[in-house]
Amino acid sequence: MVVLPTLEPAKSANPAEDGGFPSGHAAEAWRDALAMAYLVPQRFQEMLTRASEMGESRILAGMHSPLGVMDGRLLATATVVYNLNTPKNAALKA
């Protein structure tokens, strides 16, 4: 993979300080897509496909590794599952 020269300054020379794990953009895309898919189930597949494409774009741009994007998806899924199953949110779900 070749990173576009305009994106090179965004990379850190020290991976421990990179801040690219997990991918916040992928996590946000998946969190929003899963929440919207819950609200509009007839668009479930389109919402999740778009979230997946968002994560892939972060990989293709050279901003995140596939593992960082996958972890963003896991983080988002865990957050949505927690929020949907928290008793204090029962009224909102109704």
PDB file of N, CA and C in Angstrom:
ATOM      1  N   MET A   1       0.842  -1.156   0.000  1.00  0.00           N
ATOM      2  CA  MET A   1       0.000   0.000   0.000  1.00  0.00           C
ATOM      3  C   MET A   1       0.897   1.231   0.000  1.00  0.00           C
ATOM      4  N   VAL A   2       0.516   2.240  -0.749  1.00  0.00           N
ATOM      5  CA  VAL A   2       1.260   3.490  -0.802  1.00  0.00           C
ATOM      6  C   VAL A   2       0.381   4.595  -0.210  1.00  0.00           C
ATOM      7  N   VAL A   3       0.926   5.304   0.746  1.00  0.00           N
ATOM      8  CA  VAL A   3       0.199   6.400   1.372  1.00  0.00           C
ATOM      9  C   VAL A   3       0.376   7.651   0.520  1.00  0.00           C
ATOM     10  N   LEU A   4      -0.721   8.336   0.274  1.00  0.00           N
ATOM     11  CA  LEU A   4      -0.647   9.578  -0.495  1.00  0.00           C
ATOM     12  C   LEU A   4       0.280  10.562   0.202  1.00  0.00           C
ATOM     13  N   PRO A   5       1.107  11.281  -0.543  1.00  0.00           N
ATOM     14  CA  PRO A   5       2.044  12.232   0.085  1.00  0.00           C
ATOM     15  C   PRO A   5       1.351  13.269   0.963  1.00  0.00           C
ATOM     16  N   THR A   6       0.131  13.654   0.623  1.00  0.00           N
ATOM     17  CA  THR A   6      -0.573  14.656   1.439  1.00  0.00           C
ATOM     18  C   THR A   6      -0.964  14.108   2.803  1.00  0.00           C
ATOM     19  N   LEU A   7      -0.999  12.774   2.948  1.00  0.00           N
ATOM     20  CA  LEU A   7      -1.359  12.180   4.229  1.00  0.00           C
ATOM     21  C   LEU A   7      -0.147  11.820   5.075  1.00  0.00           C
ATOM     22  N   GLU A   8       1.030  11.870   4.510  1.00  0.00           N
ATOM     23  CA  GLU A   8       2.241  11.494   5.251  1.00  0.00           C
ATOM     24  C   GLU A   8       2.408  12.284   6.555  1.00  0.00           C
ATOM     25  N   PRO A   9       2.133  13.601   6.589  1.00  0.00           N
ATOM     26  CA  PRO A   9       2.318  14.324   7.850  1.00  0.00           C
ATOM     27  C   PRO A   9       1.404  13.829   8.969  1.00  0.00           C
ATOM     28  N   ALA A  10       0.308  13.154   8.627  1.00  0.00           N
ATOM     29  CA  ALA A  10      -0.621  12.672   9.647  1.00  0.00           C
ATOM     30  C   ALA A  10      -0.104  11.436  10.357  1.00  0.00           C
ATOM     31  N   LYS A  11       0.871  10.767   9.774  1.00  0.00           N
ATOM     32  CA  LYS A  11       1.427   9.566  10.386  1.00  0.00           C
ATOM     33  C   LYS A  11       2.442   9.945  11.456  1.00  0.00           C
ATOM     34  N   SER A  12       2.493   9.144  12.482  1.00  0.00           N
ATOM     35  CA  SER A  12       3.447   9.374  13.550  1.00  0.00           C
ATOM     36  C   SER A  12       4.654   8.459  13.359  1.00  0.00           C
ATOM     37  N   ALA A  13       5.828   8.972  13.683  1.00  0.00           N
ATOM     38  CA  ALA A  13       7.030   8.142  13.607  1.00  0.00           C
ATOM     39  C   ALA A  13       7.064   7.137  14.752  1.00  0.00           C
ATOM     40  N   ASN A  14       6.311   7.423  15.810  1.00  0.00           N
ATOM     41  CA  ASN A  14       6.253   6.547  16.972  1.00  0.00           C
ATOM     42  C   ASN A  14       4.847   5.957  17.080  1.00  0.00           C
ATOM     43  N   PRO A  15       4.658   4.689  16.698  1.00  0.00           N
ATOM     44  CA  PRO A  15       3.322   4.099  16.718  1.00  0.00           C
ATOM     45  C   PRO A  15       2.634   4.150  18.079  1.00  0.00           C
ATOM     46  N   ALA A  16       3.397   4.126  19.158  1.00  0.00           N
ATOM     47  CA  ALA A  16       2.799   4.169  20.496  1.00  0.00           C
ATOM     48  C   ALA A  16       2.096   5.494  20.753  1.00  0.00           C
ATOM     49  N   GLU A  17       2.481   6.541  20.041  1.00  0.00           N
ATOM     50  CA  GLU A  17       1.876   7.857  20.215  1.00  0.00           C
ATOM     51  C   GLU A  17       1.001   8.240  19.034  1.00  0.00           C
ATOM     52  N   ASP A  18       0.728   7.294  18.176  1.00  0.00           N
ATOM     53  CA  ASP A  18      -0.005   7.567  16.939  1.00  0.00           C
ATOM     54  C   ASP A  18      -1.450   7.963  17.192  1.00  0.00           C
ATOM     55  N   GLY A  19      -2.116   7.343  18.144  1.00  0.00           N
ATOM     56  CA  GLY A  19      -3.515   7.652  18.404  1.00  0.00           C
ATOM     57  C   GLY A  19      -4.445   7.028  17.385  1.00  0.00           C
ATOM     58  N   GLY A  20      -3.944   6.111  16.567  1.00  0.00           N
ATOM     59  CA  GLY A  20      -4.760   5.524  15.517  1.00  0.00           C
ATOM     60  C   GLY A  20      -5.395   4.205  15.899  1.00  0.00           C
ATOM     61  N   PHE A  21      -5.330   3.830  17.158  1.00  0.00           N
ATOM     62  CA  PHE A  21      -5.929   2.563  17.560  1.00  0.00           C
ATOM     63  C   PHE A  21      -6.780   2.777  18.791  1.00  0.00           C
ATOM     64  N   PRO A  22      -8.026   2.480  18.744  1.00  0.00           N
ATOM     65  CA  PRO A  22      -8.782   2.055  17.562  1.00  0.00           C
ATOM     66  C   PRO A  22      -9.118   3.250  16.687  1.00  0.00           C
ATOM     67  N   SER A  23      -9.651   2.975  15.530  1.00  0.00           N
ATOM     68  CA  SER A  23     -10.064   4.045  14.630  1.00  0.00           C
ATOM     69  C   SER A  23     -11.335   4.699  15.164  1.00  0.00           C
ATOM     70  N   GLY A  24     -11.215   5.940  15.561  1.00  0.00           N
ATOM     71  CA  GLY A  24     -12.376   6.683  16.053  1.00  0.00           C
ATOM     72  C   GLY A  24     -13.398   6.930  14.962  1.00  0.00           C
ATOM     73  N   HIS A  25     -12.926   7.165  13.738  1.00  0.00           N
ATOM     74  CA  HIS A  25     -13.859   7.392  12.630  1.00  0.00           C
ATOM     75  C   HIS A  25     -14.670   6.139  12.335  1.00  0.00           C
ATOM     76  N   ALA A  26     -14.010   4.989  12.338  1.00  0.00           N
ATOM     77  CA  ALA A  26     -14.721   3.734  12.103  1.00  0.00           C
ATOM     78  C   ALA A  26     -15.691   3.456  13.249  1.00  0.00           C
ATOM     79  N   ALA A  27     -15.250   3.697  14.469  1.00  0.00           N
ATOM     80  CA  ALA A  27     -16.128   3.472  15.622  1.00  0.00           C
ATOM     81  C   ALA A  27     -17.369   4.356  15.544  1.00  0.00           C
ATOM     82  N   GLU A  28     -17.183   5.601  15.208  1.00  0.00           N
ATOM     83  CA  GLU A  28     -18.315   6.531  15.097  1.00  0.00           C
ATOM     84  C   GLU A  28     -19.263   6.113  13.979  1.00  0.00           C
ATOM     85  N   ALA A  29     -18.710   5.714  12.837  1.00  0.00           N
ATOM     86  CA  ALA A  29     -19.540   5.281  11.710  1.00  0.00           C
ATOM     87  C   ALA A  29     -20.364   4.056  12.094  1.00  0.00           C
ATOM     88  N   TRP A  30     -19.739   3.082  12.733  1.00  0.00           N
ATOM     89  CA  TRP A  30     -20.453   1.866  13.131  1.00  0.00           C
ATOM     90  C   TRP A  30     -21.456   2.139  14.237  1.00  0.00           C
ATOM     91  N   ARG A  31     -21.091   2.976  15.196  1.00  0.00           N
ATOM     92  CA  ARG A  31     -22.032   3.300  16.282  1.00  0.00           C
ATOM     93  C   ARG A  31     -23.283   3.950  15.731  1.00  0.00           C
ATOM     94  N   ASP A  32     -23.105   4.930  14.866  1.00  0.00           N
ATOM     95  CA  ASP A  32     -24.254   5.617  14.274  1.00  0.00           C
ATOM     96  C   ASP A  32     -25.061   4.689  13.375  1.00  0.00           C
ATOM     97  N   ALA A  33     -24.367   3.871  12.578  1.00  0.00           N
ATOM     98  CA  ALA A  33     -25.067   2.967  11.663  1.00  0.00           C
ATOM     99  C   ALA A  33     -25.885   1.931  12.422  1.00  0.00           C
ATOM    100  N   LEU A  34     -25.305   1.370  13.483  1.00  0.00           N
ATOM    101  CA  LEU A  34     -26.048   0.378  14.254  1.00  0.00           C
ATOM    102  C   LEU A  34     -27.253   0.992  14.952  1.00  0.00           C
ATOM    103  N   ALA A  35     -27.083   2.195  15.483  1.00  0.00           N
ATOM    104  CA  ALA A  35     -28.215   2.862  16.137  1.00  0.00           C
ATOM    105  C   ALA A  35     -29.315   3.187  15.121  1.00  0.00           C
ATOM    106  N   MET A  36     -28.915   3.695  13.966  1.00  0.00           N
ATOM    107  CA  MET A  36     -29.913   4.013  12.936  1.00  0.00           C
ATOM    108  C   MET A  36     -30.563   2.749  12.386  1.00  0.00           C
ATOM    109  N   ALA A  37     -29.805   1.670  12.255  1.00  0.00           N
ATOM    110  CA  ALA A  37     -30.366   0.407  11.775  1.00  0.00           C
ATOM    111  C   ALA A  37     -31.398  -0.126  12.766  1.00  0.00           C
ATOM    112  N   TYR A  38     -31.183   0.119  14.043  1.00  0.00           N
ATOM    113  CA  TYR A  38     -32.165  -0.279  15.051  1.00  0.00           C
ATOM    114  C   TYR A  38     -33.445   0.527  14.883  1.00  0.00           C
ATOM    115  N   LEU A  39     -33.292   1.803  14.582  1.00  0.00           N
ATOM    116  CA  LEU A  39     -34.458   2.685  14.436  1.00  0.00           C
ATOM    117  C   LEU A  39     -35.182   2.494  13.106  1.00  0.00           C
ATOM    118  N   VAL A  40     -34.428   2.180  12.056  1.00  0.00           N
ATOM    119  CA  VAL A  40     -34.996   2.034  10.708  1.00  0.00           C
ATOM    120  C   VAL A  40     -34.546   0.668  10.165  1.00  0.00           C
ATOM    121  N   PRO A  41     -35.134  -0.411  10.649  1.00  0.00           N
ATOM    122  CA  PRO A  41     -34.642  -1.747  10.286  1.00  0.00           C
ATOM    123  C   PRO A  41     -34.725  -2.071   8.794  1.00  0.00           C
ATOM    124  N   GLN A  42     -35.613  -1.433   8.071  1.00  0.00           N
ATOM    125  CA  GLN A  42     -35.698  -1.704   6.634  1.00  0.00           C
ATOM    126  C   GLN A  42     -34.470  -1.186   5.885  1.00  0.00           C
ATOM    127  N   ARG A  43     -33.650  -0.372   6.513  1.00  0.00           N
ATOM    128  CA  ARG A  43     -32.403   0.137   5.916  1.00  0.00           C
ATOM    129  C   ARG A  43     -31.164  -0.446   6.590  1.00  0.00           C
ATOM    130  N   PHE A  44     -31.364  -1.531   7.340  1.00  0.00           N
ATOM    131  CA  PHE A  44     -30.275  -2.141   8.103  1.00  0.00           C
ATOM    132  C   PHE A  44     -29.048  -2.420   7.239  1.00  0.00           C
ATOM    133  N   GLN A  45     -29.259  -3.123   6.126  1.00  0.00           N
ATOM    134  CA  GLN A  45     -28.128  -3.535   5.283  1.00  0.00           C
ATOM    135  C   GLN A  45     -27.386  -2.330   4.708  1.00  0.00           C
ATOM    136  N   GLU A  46     -28.119  -1.322   4.248  1.00  0.00           N
ATOM    137  CA  GLU A  46     -27.466  -0.133   3.683  1.00  0.00           C
ATOM    138  C   GLU A  46     -26.655   0.612   4.735  1.00  0.00           C
ATOM    139  N   MET A  47     -27.203   0.712   5.944  1.00  0.00           N
ATOM    140  CA  MET A  47     -26.497   1.426   7.013  1.00  0.00           C
ATOM    141  C   MET A  47     -25.178   0.731   7.356  1.00  0.00           C
ATOM    142  N   LEU A  48     -25.234  -0.588   7.521  1.00  0.00           N
ATOM    143  CA  LEU A  48     -24.025  -1.317   7.887  1.00  0.00           C
ATOM    144  C   LEU A  48     -23.021  -1.369   6.745  1.00  0.00           C
ATOM    145  N   THR A  49     -23.510  -1.409   5.518  1.00  0.00           N
ATOM    146  CA  THR A  49     -22.601  -1.380   4.373  1.00  0.00           C
ATOM    147  C   THR A  49     -21.852  -0.057   4.337  1.00  0.00           C
ATOM    148  N   ARG A  50     -22.545   1.028   4.590  1.00  0.00           N
ATOM    149  CA  ARG A  50     -21.891   2.345   4.579  1.00  0.00           C
ATOM    150  C   ARG A  50     -20.864   2.462   5.698  1.00  0.00           C
ATOM    151  N   ALA A  51     -21.183   1.935   6.862  1.00  0.00           N
ATOM    152  CA  ALA A  51     -20.213   1.968   7.967  1.00  0.00           C
ATOM    153  C   ALA A  51     -18.964   1.169   7.598  1.00  0.00           C
ATOM    154  N   SER A  52     -19.167   0.029   6.963  1.00  0.00           N
ATOM    155  CA  SER A  52     -18.039  -0.796   6.532  1.00  0.00           C
ATOM    156  C   SER A  52     -17.182  -0.055   5.512  1.00  0.00           C
ATOM    157  N   GLU A  53     -17.827   0.631   4.586  1.00  0.00           N
ATOM    158  CA  GLU A  53     -17.089   1.401   3.576  1.00  0.00           C
ATOM    159  C   GLU A  53     -16.308   2.546   4.208  1.00  0.00           C
ATOM    160  N   MET A  54     -16.879   3.138   5.237  1.00  0.00           N
ATOM    161  CA  MET A  54     -16.177   4.221   5.937  1.00  0.00           C
ATOM    162  C   MET A  54     -14.886   3.693   6.564  1.00  0.00           C
ATOM    163  N   GLY A  55     -14.980   2.541   7.211  1.00  0.00           N
ATOM    164  CA  GLY A  55     -13.789   1.945   7.797  1.00  0.00           C
ATOM    165  C   GLY A  55     -12.760   1.589   6.744  1.00  0.00           C
ATOM    166  N   GLU A  56     -13.224   1.029   5.632  1.00  0.00           N
ATOM    167  CA  GLU A  56     -12.305   0.670   4.558  1.00  0.00           C
ATOM    168  C   GLU A  56     -11.594   1.901   4.000  1.00  0.00           C
ATOM    169  N   SER A  57     -12.300   3.017   3.934  1.00  0.00           N
ATOM    170  CA  SER A  57     -11.678   4.237   3.405  1.00  0.00           C
ATOM    171  C   SER A  57     -10.534   4.709   4.298  1.00  0.00           C
ATOM    172  N   ARG A  58     -10.634   4.451   5.604  1.00  0.00           N
ATOM    173  CA  ARG A  58      -9.559   4.826   6.528  1.00  0.00           C
ATOM    174  C   ARG A  58      -8.307   3.971   6.275  1.00  0.00           C
ATOM    175  N   ILE A  59      -8.532   2.708   5.905  1.00  0.00           N
ATOM    176  CA  ILE A  59      -7.412   1.821   5.577  1.00  0.00           C
ATOM    177  C   ILE A  59      -6.782   2.251   4.261  1.00  0.00           C
ATOM    178  N   LEU A  60      -7.625   2.483   3.254  1.00  0.00           N
ATOM    179  CA  LEU A  60      -7.124   2.853   1.929  1.00  0.00           C
ATOM    180  C   LEU A  60      -6.384   4.188   1.943  1.00  0.00           C
ATOM    181  N   ALA A  61      -6.801   5.080   2.836  1.00  0.00           N
ATOM    182  CA  ALA A  61      -6.123   6.377   2.947  1.00  0.00           C
ATOM    183  C   ALA A  61      -4.803   6.261   3.703  1.00  0.00           C
ATOM    184  N   GLY A  62      -4.562   5.089   4.282  1.00  0.00           N
ATOM    185  CA  GLY A  62      -3.320   4.903   5.021  1.00  0.00           C
ATOM    186  C   GLY A  62      -3.354   5.477   6.420  1.00  0.00           C
ATOM    187  N   MET A  63      -4.532   5.783   6.916  1.00  0.00           N
ATOM    188  CA  MET A  63      -4.654   6.396   8.238  1.00  0.00           C
ATOM    189  C   MET A  63      -4.737   5.371   9.362  1.00  0.00           C
ATOM    190  N   HIS A  64      -5.219   4.161   9.042  1.00  0.00           N
ATOM    191  CA  HIS A  64      -5.382   3.124  10.066  1.00  0.00           C
ATOM    192  C   HIS A  64      -5.044   1.765   9.487  1.00  0.00           C
ATOM    193  N   SER A  65      -4.663   0.882  10.372  1.00  0.00           N
ATOM    194  CA  SER A  65      -4.459  -0.510   9.971  1.00  0.00           C
ATOM    195  C   SER A  65      -5.822  -1.202   9.971  1.00  0.00           C
ATOM    196  N   PRO A  66      -5.929  -2.326   9.289  1.00  0.00           N
ATOM    197  CA  PRO A  66      -7.184  -3.079   9.352  1.00  0.00           C
ATOM    198  C   PRO A  66      -7.576  -3.438  10.792  1.00  0.00           C
ATOM    199  N   LEU A  67      -6.589  -3.751  11.624  1.00  0.00           N
ATOM    200  CA  LEU A  67      -6.886  -4.093  13.008  1.00  0.00           C
ATOM    201  C   LEU A  67      -7.485  -2.910  13.764  1.00  0.00           C
ATOM    202  N   GLY A  68      -6.980  -1.694  13.504  1.00  0.00           N
ATOM    203  CA  GLY A  68      -7.537  -0.504  14.148  1.00  0.00           C
ATOM    204  C   GLY A  68      -8.978  -0.260  13.746  1.00  0.00           C
ATOM    205  N   VAL A  69      -9.294  -0.525  12.485  1.00  0.00           N
ATOM    206  CA  VAL A  69     -10.664  -0.358  11.988  1.00  0.00           C
ATOM    207  C   VAL A  69     -11.570  -1.443  12.570  1.00  0.00           C
ATOM    208  N   MET A  70     -11.066  -2.675  12.630  1.00  0.00           N
ATOM    209  CA  MET A  70     -11.863  -3.766  13.211  1.00  0.00           C
ATOM    210  C   MET A  70     -12.138  -3.495  14.684  1.00  0.00           C
ATOM    211  N   ASP A  71     -11.157  -2.968  15.397  1.00  0.00           N
ATOM    212  CA  ASP A  71     -11.365  -2.667  16.805  1.00  0.00           C
ATOM    213  C   ASP A  71     -12.357  -1.523  16.977  1.00  0.00           C
ATOM    214  N   GLY A  72     -12.351  -0.559  16.064  1.00  0.00           N
ATOM    215  CA  GLY A  72     -13.356   0.503  16.105  1.00  0.00           C
ATOM    216  C   GLY A  72     -14.762  -0.062  15.969  1.00  0.00           C
ATOM    217  N   ARG A  73     -14.905  -1.054  15.085  1.00  0.00           N
ATOM    218  CA  ARG A  73     -16.207  -1.704  14.894  1.00  0.00           C
ATOM    219  C   ARG A  73     -16.615  -2.451  16.168  1.00  0.00           C
ATOM    220  N   LEU A  74     -15.671  -3.155  16.790  1.00  0.00           N
ATOM    221  CA  LEU A  74     -15.979  -3.876  18.029  1.00  0.00           C
ATOM    222  C   LEU A  74     -16.368  -2.922  19.152  1.00  0.00           C
ATOM    223  N   LEU A  75     -15.645  -1.826  19.264  1.00  0.00           N
ATOM    224  CA  LEU A  75     -15.951  -0.827  20.282  1.00  0.00           C
ATOM    225  C   LEU A  75     -17.359  -0.274  20.081  1.00  0.00           C
ATOM    226  N   ALA A  76     -17.694   0.046  18.841  1.00  0.00           N
ATOM    227  CA  ALA A  76     -19.022   0.592  18.540  1.00  0.00           C
ATOM    228  C   ALA A  76     -20.120  -0.420  18.832  1.00  0.00           C
ATOM    229  N   THR A  77     -19.894  -1.662  18.435  1.00  0.00           N
ATOM    230  CA  THR A  77     -20.891  -2.707  18.670  1.00  0.00           C
ATOM    231  C   THR A  77     -21.131  -2.902  20.159  1.00  0.00           C
ATOM    232  N   ALA A  78     -20.063  -2.953  20.937  1.00  0.00           N
ATOM    233  CA  ALA A  78     -20.206  -3.111  22.384  1.00  0.00           C
ATOM    234  C   ALA A  78     -20.955  -1.928  22.996  1.00  0.00           C
ATOM    235  N   THR A  79     -20.677  -0.732  22.526  1.00  0.00           N
ATOM    236  CA  THR A  79     -21.346   0.463  23.041  1.00  0.00           C
ATOM    237  C   THR A  79     -22.839   0.430  22.740  1.00  0.00           C
ATOM    238  N   VAL A  80     -23.185   0.081  21.512  1.00  0.00           N
ATOM    239  CA  VAL A  80     -24.602   0.038  21.119  1.00  0.00           C
ATOM    240  C   VAL A  80     -25.333  -1.070  21.880  1.00  0.00           C
ATOM    241  N   VAL A  81     -24.725  -2.242  21.989  1.00  0.00           N
ATOM    242  CA  VAL A  81     -25.358  -3.345  22.726  1.00  0.00           C
ATOM    243  C   VAL A  81     -25.593  -2.935  24.179  1.00  0.00           C
ATOM    244  N   TYR A  82     -24.609  -2.312  24.781  1.00  0.00           N
ATOM    245  CA  TYR A  82     -24.771  -1.853  26.166  1.00  0.00           C
ATOM    246  C   TYR A  82     -25.916  -0.860  26.275  1.00  0.00           C
ATOM    247  N   ASN A  83     -25.926   0.134  25.404  1.00  0.00           N
ATOM    248  CA  ASN A  83     -26.964   1.166  25.480  1.00  0.00           C
ATOM    249  C   ASN A  83     -28.360   0.624  25.199  1.00  0.00           C
ATOM    250  N   LEU A  84     -28.474  -0.339  24.300  1.00  0.00           N
ATOM    251  CA  LEU A  84     -29.786  -0.918  24.005  1.00  0.00           C
ATOM    252  C   LEU A  84     -30.284  -1.812  25.132  1.00  0.00           C
ATOM    253  N   ASN A  85     -29.376  -2.316  25.954  1.00  0.00           N
ATOM    254  CA  ASN A  85     -29.776  -3.231  27.023  1.00  0.00           C
ATOM    255  C   ASN A  85     -29.721  -2.627  28.417  1.00  0.00           C
ATOM    256  N   THR A  86     -29.434  -1.352  28.514  1.00  0.00           N
ATOM    257  CA  THR A  86     -29.418  -0.677  29.801  1.00  0.00           C
ATOM    258  C   THR A  86     -30.858  -0.368  30.213  1.00  0.00           C
ATOM    259  N   PRO A  87     -31.292  -0.810  31.397  1.00  0.00           N
ATOM    260  CA  PRO A  87     -32.673  -0.589  31.822  1.00  0.00           C
ATOM    261  C   PRO A  87     -33.109   0.874  31.804  1.00  0.00           C
ATOM    262  N   LYS A  88     -32.196   1.797  32.087  1.00  0.00           N
ATOM    263  CA  LYS A  88     -32.588   3.205  32.126  1.00  0.00           C
ATOM    264  C   LYS A  88     -32.971   3.737  30.737  1.00  0.00           C
ATOM    265  N   ASN A  89     -32.627   2.993  29.665  1.00  0.00           N
ATOM    266  CA  ASN A  89     -32.974   3.403  28.302  1.00  0.00           C
ATOM    267  C   ASN A  89     -34.247   2.735  27.777  1.00  0.00           C
ATOM    268  N   ALA A  90     -34.935   1.984  28.631  1.00  0.00           N
ATOM    269  CA  ALA A  90     -36.135   1.260  28.196  1.00  0.00           C
ATOM    270  C   ALA A  90     -37.205   2.205  27.653  1.00  0.00           C
ATOM    271  N   ALA A  91     -37.378   3.350  28.298  1.00  0.00           N
ATOM    272  CA  ALA A  91     -38.397   4.306  27.829  1.00  0.00           C
ATOM    273  C   ALA A  91     -38.033   4.860  26.457  1.00  0.00           C
ATOM    274  N   LEU A  92     -36.762   5.103  26.221  1.00  0.00           N
ATOM    275  CA  LEU A  92     -36.332   5.608  24.924  1.00  0.00           C
ATOM    276  C   LEU A  92     -36.586   4.579  23.823  1.00  0.00           C
ATOM    277  N   LYS A  93     -36.335   3.317  24.117  1.00  0.00           N
ATOM    278  CA  LYS A  93     -36.548   2.253  23.135  1.00  0.00           C
ATOM    279  C   LYS A  93     -38.029   2.104  22.801  1.00  0.00           C
ATOM    280  N   ALA A  94     -38.884   2.308  23.803  1.00  0.00           N
ATOM    281  CA  ALA A  94     -40.330   2.170  23.579  1.00  0.00           C
ATOM    282  C   ALA A  94     -40.816   3.260  22.653  1.00  0.00           C
TER     283      ALA A  94
END
